[in-house]
Amino acid sequence: MAYNRNGAKNGWSLFFLILAGIVLGGFLGSLAVGVSFLSWLNFGYTFGMNAPVIIDLKVIFLQFKLSFDISIASLLGICVAIFVYKKIL
């Protein structure tokens, strides 16, 4: 399923597994905030653009902002996704 015709692993499956690991890890980290001994899982850092880039053409108004919120749980989710990709797929 995760292999190309020539037997090489598919990069898209790795991309989607890592994306799923980030989302699930972030979700589990936000759930762990209420538990005292698991609150460290939500510790992280947010980086990106502070102010959005605004393009006002009087007919169309565009606003772009990009930021990343990386937590320990998200990093653990990425590690699990890579492990699943290497061992199972």
Protein backbone atom coordinates (compact mmCIF):
# COMPACT_ATOMS: atom_id res chain seq x y z
CA MET A 1 0.00 0.00 0.00
CA ALA A 2 2.79 2.45 0.82
CA TYR A 3 5.10 1.32 -1.97
CA ASN A 4 5.58 2.68 -5.48
CA ARG A 5 5.73 0.48 -8.56
CA ASN A 6 9.50 0.17 -8.26
CA GLY A 7 9.33 -0.99 -4.62
CA ALA A 8 10.32 2.32 -2.99
CA LYS A 9 8.25 3.66 -0.11
CA ASN A 10 5.77 6.42 -0.92
CA GLY A 11 6.70 9.85 0.47
CA TRP A 12 3.06 10.96 0.63
CA SER A 13 2.25 8.28 3.18
CA LEU A 14 5.08 9.56 5.40
CA PHE A 15 3.82 13.13 5.00
CA PHE A 16 0.27 12.21 6.01
CA LEU A 17 1.46 10.04 8.90
CA ILE A 18 3.57 12.91 10.26
CA LEU A 19 0.65 15.31 9.82
CA ALA A 20 -1.62 12.89 11.71
CA GLY A 21 1.04 12.53 14.42
CA ILE A 22 1.23 16.29 14.87
CA VAL A 23 -2.55 16.66 15.09
CA LEU A 24 -3.09 13.70 17.43
CA GLY A 25 -0.10 14.65 19.58
CA GLY A 26 -1.33 18.22 19.91
CA PHE A 27 -4.82 16.99 20.77
CA LEU A 28 -3.51 14.62 23.43
CA GLY A 29 -1.27 17.38 24.79
CA SER A 30 -4.24 19.71 25.17
CA LEU A 31 -6.17 16.96 26.96
CA ALA A 32 -3.24 16.36 29.32
CA VAL A 33 -3.26 19.94 30.63
CA GLY A 34 -5.81 19.07 33.32
CA VAL A 35 -3.78 16.12 34.64
CA SER A 36 -1.06 17.34 36.99
CA PHE A 37 1.61 14.73 36.20
CA LEU A 38 1.01 14.95 32.40
CA SER A 39 0.86 18.73 32.04
CA TRP A 40 4.47 18.76 30.76
CA LEU A 41 3.24 17.22 27.50
CA ASN A 42 1.63 20.54 26.52
CA PHE A 43 4.84 22.52 27.06
CA GLY A 44 5.95 24.04 23.78
CA TYR A 45 6.80 27.05 21.71
CA THR A 46 4.90 29.09 19.13
CA PHE A 47 6.80 30.74 16.31
CA GLY A 48 5.89 32.41 13.06
CA MET A 49 4.68 35.82 11.91
CA ASN A 50 3.31 38.00 14.70
CA ALA A 51 1.39 40.36 12.46
CA PRO A 52 -0.42 39.15 9.36
CA VAL A 53 0.58 40.31 5.88
CA ILE A 54 -2.30 42.40 4.53
CA ILE A 55 -2.92 43.10 0.86
CA ASP A 56 -5.77 45.54 0.26
CA LEU A 57 -6.63 46.01 -3.41
CA LYS A 58 -9.93 47.81 -2.68
CA VAL A 59 -11.76 45.01 -4.49
CA ILE A 60 -10.08 42.07 -2.78
CA PHE A 61 -8.72 42.04 0.76
CA LEU A 62 -6.15 39.33 1.48
CA GLN A 63 -4.67 38.52 4.86
CA PHE A 64 -1.94 35.91 5.44
CA LYS A 65 -0.54 34.65 8.71
CA LEU A 66 1.57 31.59 9.39
CA SER A 67 2.47 30.28 12.84
CA PHE A 68 3.52 26.95 14.29
CA ASP A 69 2.70 25.67 17.75
CA ILE A 70 5.07 22.83 18.60
CA SER A 71 4.61 20.95 21.87
CA ILE A 72 6.30 17.92 23.39
CA ALA A 73 3.22 15.83 22.65
CA SER A 74 3.39 16.87 18.98
CA LEU A 75 7.05 15.85 18.82
CA LEU A 76 6.16 12.48 20.36
CA GLY A 77 3.41 12.12 17.75
CA ILE A 78 5.95 12.77 14.99
CA CYS A 79 8.27 10.11 16.46
CA VAL A 80 5.44 7.57 16.59
CA ALA A 81 4.46 8.40 13.00
CA ILE A 82 8.02 7.84 11.76
CA PHE A 83 8.21 4.57 13.72
CA VAL A 84 4.95 3.38 12.16
CA TYR A 85 6.21 4.34 8.71
CA LYS A 86 9.49 2.47 9.11
CA LYS A 87 8.21 -0.64 10.86
CA ILE A 88 4.66 -1.21 9.65
CA LEU A 89 4.37 0.38 6.23
